[in-house]
Amino acid sequence: MSSYPEWEGGEALVWVPACIAVGTIEDTDGDVLVELRVGAVEVPGGREIHSGMFRCPSGDVSVTGPTDEREVTLTLPRTGDWKVRIVVRGEGRPDYVGVFFDAEEWSAAVS
């Protein structure tokens, strides 16, 4: 999966994918662990920074950094809308980011 937009037809002015962006520690300050998971886990010392809906029409969620060409992809068990919870850990900018997708349909999760 490419990190760059695939332009079709030349008429589009902008391309906006479904995206989660989280500011973390600088590359020079150490490694960042990003955990993608269906179902929540307890993160000792973690704090929730977001809870809401994530639209995933392809069913694939990829992680990469702005200066890192490595990409890791999680294929969700279904396409569509997911309730998502984001938890971080670390003083100041985090060195851990957990992205937890609720296994239930979004509509059922907010009812």
N, C-alpha and C. Protein backbone atom coordinates (compact mmCIF):
# COMPACT_ATOMS: atom_id res chain seq x y z
N MET A 1 0.85 -1.17 0.00
CA MET A 1 0.00 0.00 0.00
C MET A 1 0.90 1.23 0.00
N SER A 2 0.66 2.15 -0.88
CA SER A 2 1.48 3.35 -1.02
C SER A 2 1.14 4.37 0.05
N SER A 3 2.15 5.13 0.48
CA SER A 3 1.93 6.21 1.44
C SER A 3 1.47 7.48 0.75
N TYR A 4 1.49 7.49 -0.57
CA TYR A 4 1.18 8.68 -1.34
C TYR A 4 -0.13 8.49 -2.10
N PRO A 5 -0.86 9.59 -2.37
CA PRO A 5 -2.13 9.47 -3.08
C PRO A 5 -1.95 8.95 -4.50
N GLU A 6 -2.91 8.17 -4.92
CA GLU A 6 -2.95 7.69 -6.30
C GLU A 6 -4.00 8.54 -7.01
N TRP A 7 -3.57 9.49 -7.80
CA TRP A 7 -4.48 10.42 -8.47
C TRP A 7 -5.14 9.71 -9.65
N GLU A 8 -6.44 9.92 -9.79
CA GLU A 8 -7.19 9.33 -10.89
C GLU A 8 -7.90 10.44 -11.66
N GLY A 9 -7.70 10.49 -12.96
CA GLY A 9 -8.43 11.42 -13.82
C GLY A 9 -7.89 12.82 -13.87
N GLY A 10 -7.08 13.25 -12.93
CA GLY A 10 -6.49 14.58 -12.96
C GLY A 10 -7.43 15.71 -12.58
N GLU A 11 -8.66 15.42 -12.17
CA GLU A 11 -9.64 16.45 -11.83
C GLU A 11 -9.67 16.77 -10.34
N ALA A 12 -9.17 15.87 -9.51
CA ALA A 12 -9.25 16.07 -8.06
C ALA A 12 -8.28 17.15 -7.61
N LEU A 13 -8.71 17.98 -6.67
CA LEU A 13 -7.86 19.01 -6.10
C LEU A 13 -7.20 18.54 -4.80
N VAL A 14 -7.83 17.59 -4.14
CA VAL A 14 -7.30 17.11 -2.87
C VAL A 14 -7.67 15.65 -2.71
N TRP A 15 -6.84 14.94 -1.98
CA TRP A 15 -7.08 13.53 -1.66
C TRP A 15 -6.98 13.38 -0.17
N VAL A 16 -8.06 12.96 0.49
CA VAL A 16 -8.07 12.88 1.95
C VAL A 16 -8.44 11.46 2.38
N PRO A 17 -7.47 10.69 2.84
CA PRO A 17 -7.79 9.35 3.34
C PRO A 17 -8.26 9.41 4.79
N ALA A 18 -8.84 8.32 5.29
CA ALA A 18 -9.11 8.19 6.72
C ALA A 18 -7.75 8.04 7.38
N CYS A 19 -7.49 8.83 8.42
CA CYS A 19 -6.14 8.88 8.97
C CYS A 19 -6.18 9.19 10.46
N ILE A 20 -5.23 8.62 11.19
CA ILE A 20 -4.99 8.97 12.58
C ILE A 20 -3.54 9.43 12.64
N ALA A 21 -3.30 10.62 13.14
CA ALA A 21 -1.94 11.13 13.29
C ALA A 21 -1.70 11.43 14.77
N VAL A 22 -0.62 10.89 15.32
CA VAL A 22 -0.29 11.10 16.73
C VAL A 22 1.16 11.57 16.81
N GLY A 23 1.38 12.71 17.47
CA GLY A 23 2.73 13.20 17.68
C GLY A 23 3.43 12.39 18.76
N THR A 24 4.63 11.91 18.47
CA THR A 24 5.39 11.09 19.41
C THR A 24 6.78 11.69 19.62
N ILE A 25 7.61 11.00 20.39
CA ILE A 25 8.97 11.47 20.62
C ILE A 25 9.72 11.53 19.29
N GLU A 26 10.78 12.31 19.24
CA GLU A 26 11.62 12.43 18.05
C GLU A 26 12.38 11.12 17.82
N ASP A 27 12.71 10.83 16.56
CA ASP A 27 13.47 9.63 16.23
C ASP A 27 14.79 9.57 17.01
N THR A 28 15.41 10.72 17.24
CA THR A 28 16.69 10.75 17.95
C THR A 28 16.55 10.47 19.44
N ASP A 29 15.31 10.51 19.97
CA ASP A 29 15.08 10.28 21.39
C ASP A 29 14.75 8.82 21.72
N GLY A 30 14.63 7.97 20.72
CA GLY A 30 14.34 6.56 20.97
C GLY A 30 13.30 6.01 20.03
N ASP A 31 12.94 4.76 20.27
CA ASP A 31 11.95 4.06 19.45
C ASP A 31 10.54 4.32 19.98
N VAL A 32 9.58 4.23 19.08
CA VAL A 32 8.17 4.35 19.41
C VAL A 32 7.50 3.01 19.11
N LEU A 33 6.76 2.49 20.07
CA LEU A 33 6.01 1.26 19.87
C LEU A 33 4.57 1.65 19.54
N VAL A 34 4.06 1.17 18.40
CA VAL A 34 2.66 1.38 18.01
C VAL A 34 2.00 0.02 18.00
N GLU A 35 0.91 -0.10 18.75
CA GLU A 35 0.18 -1.36 18.85
C GLU A 35 -1.20 -1.18 18.23
N LEU A 36 -1.51 -1.98 17.23
CA LEU A 36 -2.84 -2.02 16.62
C LEU A 36 -3.49 -3.31 17.08
N ARG A 37 -4.73 -3.22 17.56
CA ARG A 37 -5.35 -4.43 18.08
C ARG A 37 -6.87 -4.32 17.97
N VAL A 38 -7.51 -5.43 17.65
CA VAL A 38 -8.97 -5.52 17.73
C VAL A 38 -9.27 -5.97 19.15
N GLY A 39 -9.95 -5.12 19.89
CA GLY A 39 -10.21 -5.36 21.30
C GLY A 39 -9.24 -4.57 22.15
N ALA A 40 -9.72 -4.06 23.24
CA ALA A 40 -8.89 -3.20 24.11
C ALA A 40 -8.07 -4.04 25.08
N VAL A 41 -6.95 -3.48 25.49
CA VAL A 41 -6.14 -4.06 26.56
C VAL A 41 -5.83 -2.94 27.55
N GLU A 42 -5.50 -3.32 28.76
CA GLU A 42 -5.09 -2.34 29.76
C GLU A 42 -3.65 -1.95 29.48
N VAL A 43 -3.37 -0.66 29.53
CA VAL A 43 -2.03 -0.14 29.31
C VAL A 43 -1.58 0.53 30.61
N PRO A 44 -0.77 -0.15 31.42
CA PRO A 44 -0.31 0.46 32.67
C PRO A 44 0.40 1.78 32.39
N GLY A 45 -0.01 2.83 33.09
CA GLY A 45 0.58 4.14 32.91
C GLY A 45 0.10 4.87 31.67
N GLY A 46 -0.86 4.29 30.95
CA GLY A 46 -1.37 4.91 29.72
C GLY A 46 -2.48 5.90 29.99
N ARG A 47 -2.67 6.81 29.04
CA ARG A 47 -3.79 7.75 29.13
C ARG A 47 -4.51 7.78 27.79
N GLU A 48 -5.83 7.78 27.85
CA GLU A 48 -6.64 7.82 26.63
C GLU A 48 -6.63 9.24 26.08
N ILE A 49 -6.30 9.37 24.78
CA ILE A 49 -6.30 10.69 24.16
C ILE A 49 -7.41 10.84 23.14
N HIS A 50 -8.07 9.74 22.78
CA HIS A 50 -9.15 9.85 21.80
C HIS A 50 -10.04 8.62 21.89
N SER A 51 -11.34 8.85 21.72
CA SER A 51 -12.32 7.79 21.58
C SER A 51 -13.33 8.28 20.56
N GLY A 52 -13.54 7.54 19.52
CA GLY A 52 -14.49 7.98 18.50
C GLY A 52 -14.61 6.96 17.38
N MET A 53 -15.02 7.44 16.21
CA MET A 53 -15.23 6.55 15.07
C MET A 53 -14.07 6.65 14.09
N PHE A 54 -13.71 5.52 13.50
CA PHE A 54 -12.71 5.47 12.45
C PHE A 54 -13.32 4.75 11.26
N ARG A 55 -13.33 5.41 10.11
CA ARG A 55 -13.90 4.83 8.90
C ARG A 55 -12.80 4.08 8.15
N CYS A 56 -13.02 2.80 7.87
CA CYS A 56 -12.01 1.98 7.21
C CYS A 56 -12.66 1.17 6.08
N PRO A 57 -12.89 1.81 4.93
CA PRO A 57 -13.57 1.12 3.83
C PRO A 57 -12.77 -0.04 3.24
N SER A 58 -11.45 -0.01 3.35
CA SER A 58 -10.63 -1.09 2.79
C SER A 58 -10.47 -2.26 3.75
N GLY A 59 -10.61 -2.00 5.07
CA GLY A 59 -10.37 -3.03 6.06
C GLY A 59 -8.90 -3.15 6.45
N ASP A 60 -8.03 -2.37 5.83
CA ASP A 60 -6.60 -2.39 6.15
C ASP A 60 -6.20 -1.11 6.86
N VAL A 61 -5.45 -1.24 7.94
CA VAL A 61 -4.93 -0.11 8.69
C VAL A 61 -3.40 -0.22 8.67
N SER A 62 -2.73 0.83 8.20
CA SER A 62 -1.27 0.81 8.09
C SER A 62 -0.65 1.85 9.00
N VAL A 63 0.55 1.55 9.48
CA VAL A 63 1.31 2.45 10.35
C VAL A 63 2.67 2.70 9.71
N THR A 64 3.04 3.97 9.68
CA THR A 64 4.38 4.37 9.25
C THR A 64 4.68 5.72 9.86
N GLY A 65 5.92 6.11 9.83
CA GLY A 65 6.32 7.41 10.34
C GLY A 65 6.65 8.33 9.19
N PRO A 66 6.71 9.64 9.46
CA PRO A 66 6.97 10.60 8.37
C PRO A 66 8.36 10.46 7.76
N THR A 67 9.32 9.92 8.52
CA THR A 67 10.68 9.75 7.97
C THR A 67 11.06 8.29 7.84
N ASP A 68 10.11 7.38 8.07
CA ASP A 68 10.38 5.95 8.05
C ASP A 68 9.61 5.31 6.91
N GLU A 69 10.29 4.61 6.03
CA GLU A 69 9.61 4.00 4.90
C GLU A 69 9.03 2.62 5.22
N ARG A 70 9.33 2.10 6.40
CA ARG A 70 8.74 0.81 6.79
C ARG A 70 7.25 1.03 7.05
N GLU A 71 6.46 0.06 6.66
CA GLU A 71 5.01 0.15 6.85
C GLU A 71 4.50 -1.19 7.35
N VAL A 72 3.69 -1.15 8.40
CA VAL A 72 3.09 -2.36 8.95
C VAL A 72 1.58 -2.23 8.78
N THR A 73 0.93 -3.31 8.33
CA THR A 73 -0.51 -3.26 8.05
C THR A 73 -1.26 -4.31 8.86
N LEU A 74 -2.38 -3.90 9.45
CA LEU A 74 -3.30 -4.80 10.13
C LEU A 74 -4.54 -4.89 9.27
N THR A 75 -4.97 -6.11 8.95
CA THR A 75 -6.22 -6.31 8.22
C THR A 75 -7.31 -6.59 9.25
N LEU A 76 -8.29 -5.68 9.31
CA LEU A 76 -9.39 -5.82 10.26
C LEU A 76 -10.33 -6.93 9.79
N PRO A 77 -11.10 -7.54 10.70
CA PRO A 77 -11.99 -8.63 10.32
C PRO A 77 -13.16 -8.22 9.41
N ARG A 78 -13.40 -6.91 9.29
CA ARG A 78 -14.45 -6.44 8.39
C ARG A 78 -14.13 -5.01 7.98
N THR A 79 -14.74 -4.55 6.90
CA THR A 79 -14.60 -3.17 6.46
C THR A 79 -15.66 -2.31 7.15
N GLY A 80 -15.54 -1.00 7.00
CA GLY A 80 -16.57 -0.10 7.51
C GLY A 80 -16.12 0.71 8.70
N ASP A 81 -17.10 1.16 9.48
CA ASP A 81 -16.86 2.03 10.62
C ASP A 81 -16.53 1.22 11.86
N TRP A 82 -15.55 1.70 12.60
CA TRP A 82 -15.12 1.05 13.84
C TRP A 82 -15.08 2.09 14.95
N LYS A 83 -15.48 1.69 16.16
CA LYS A 83 -15.23 2.52 17.32
C LYS A 83 -13.75 2.31 17.65
N VAL A 84 -13.03 3.41 17.85
CA VAL A 84 -11.59 3.32 18.09
C VAL A 84 -11.24 4.08 19.37
N ARG A 85 -10.29 3.55 20.10
CA ARG A 85 -9.79 4.16 21.33
C ARG A 85 -8.28 4.25 21.18
N ILE A 86 -7.70 5.44 21.45
CA ILE A 86 -6.26 5.63 21.33
C ILE A 86 -5.69 5.95 22.70
N VAL A 87 -4.69 5.17 23.09
CA VAL A 87 -4.04 5.31 24.38
C VAL A 87 -2.56 5.55 24.14
N VAL A 88 -1.97 6.50 24.89
CA VAL A 88 -0.53 6.77 24.78
C VAL A 88 0.12 6.61 26.16
N ARG A 89 1.44 6.44 26.12
CA ARG A 89 2.20 6.34 27.36
C ARG A 89 3.54 7.05 27.17
N GLY A 90 3.99 7.71 28.21
CA GLY A 90 5.26 8.42 28.18
C GLY A 90 5.07 9.85 28.65
N GLU A 91 6.10 10.41 29.24
CA GLU A 91 6.06 11.79 29.70
C GLU A 91 6.18 12.72 28.50
N GLY A 92 5.41 13.79 28.47
CA GLY A 92 5.45 14.69 27.32
C GLY A 92 4.95 13.98 26.08
N ARG A 93 5.76 13.96 25.05
CA ARG A 93 5.39 13.21 23.84
C ARG A 93 5.56 11.72 24.10
N PRO A 94 4.59 10.91 23.66
CA PRO A 94 4.63 9.48 24.01
C PRO A 94 5.66 8.68 23.22
N ASP A 95 6.06 7.54 23.84
CA ASP A 95 6.89 6.55 23.16
C ASP A 95 6.10 5.26 22.91
N TYR A 96 4.80 5.29 23.27
CA TYR A 96 3.89 4.16 23.02
C TYR A 96 2.56 4.73 22.56
N VAL A 97 2.00 4.13 21.50
CA VAL A 97 0.67 4.48 21.01
C VAL A 97 -0.10 3.18 20.81
N GLY A 98 -1.22 3.05 21.49
CA GLY A 98 -2.10 1.89 21.31
C GLY A 98 -3.37 2.33 20.60
N VAL A 99 -3.69 1.67 19.49
CA VAL A 99 -4.91 1.97 18.74
C VAL A 99 -5.77 0.71 18.81
N PHE A 100 -6.88 0.81 19.55
CA PHE A 100 -7.72 -0.35 19.82
C PHE A 100 -9.06 -0.20 19.11
N PHE A 101 -9.36 -1.15 18.24
CA PHE A 101 -10.60 -1.15 17.47
C PHE A 101 -11.62 -2.02 18.19
N ASP A 102 -12.83 -1.46 18.42
CA ASP A 102 -13.90 -2.19 19.09
C ASP A 102 -14.42 -3.25 18.13
N ALA A 103 -14.57 -4.47 18.62
CA ALA A 103 -15.00 -5.58 17.78
C ALA A 103 -16.47 -5.49 17.38
N GLU A 104 -17.25 -4.61 18.03
CA GLU A 104 -18.66 -4.46 17.69
C GLU A 104 -18.85 -3.38 16.63
N GLU A 105 -19.95 -3.46 15.91
CA GLU A 105 -20.28 -2.43 14.92
C GLU A 105 -20.37 -1.08 15.62
N TRP A 106 -19.98 0.00 14.93
CA TRP A 106 -20.04 1.35 15.51
C TRP A 106 -21.46 1.67 15.97
N SER A 107 -22.47 1.39 15.12
CA SER A 107 -23.84 1.75 15.47
C SER A 107 -24.28 1.03 16.74
N ALA A 108 -23.85 -0.21 16.92
CA ALA A 108 -24.20 -0.94 18.12
C ALA A 108 -23.43 -0.41 19.33
N ALA A 109 -22.22 0.07 19.10
CA ALA A 109 -21.37 0.53 20.19
C ALA A 109 -21.85 1.86 20.77
N VAL A 110 -22.53 2.68 20.00
CA VAL A 110 -22.97 3.99 20.50
C VAL A 110 -24.44 4.00 20.89
N SER A 111 -25.13 2.91 20.70
CA SER A 111 -26.56 2.86 21.04
C SER A 111 -26.77 2.85 22.53
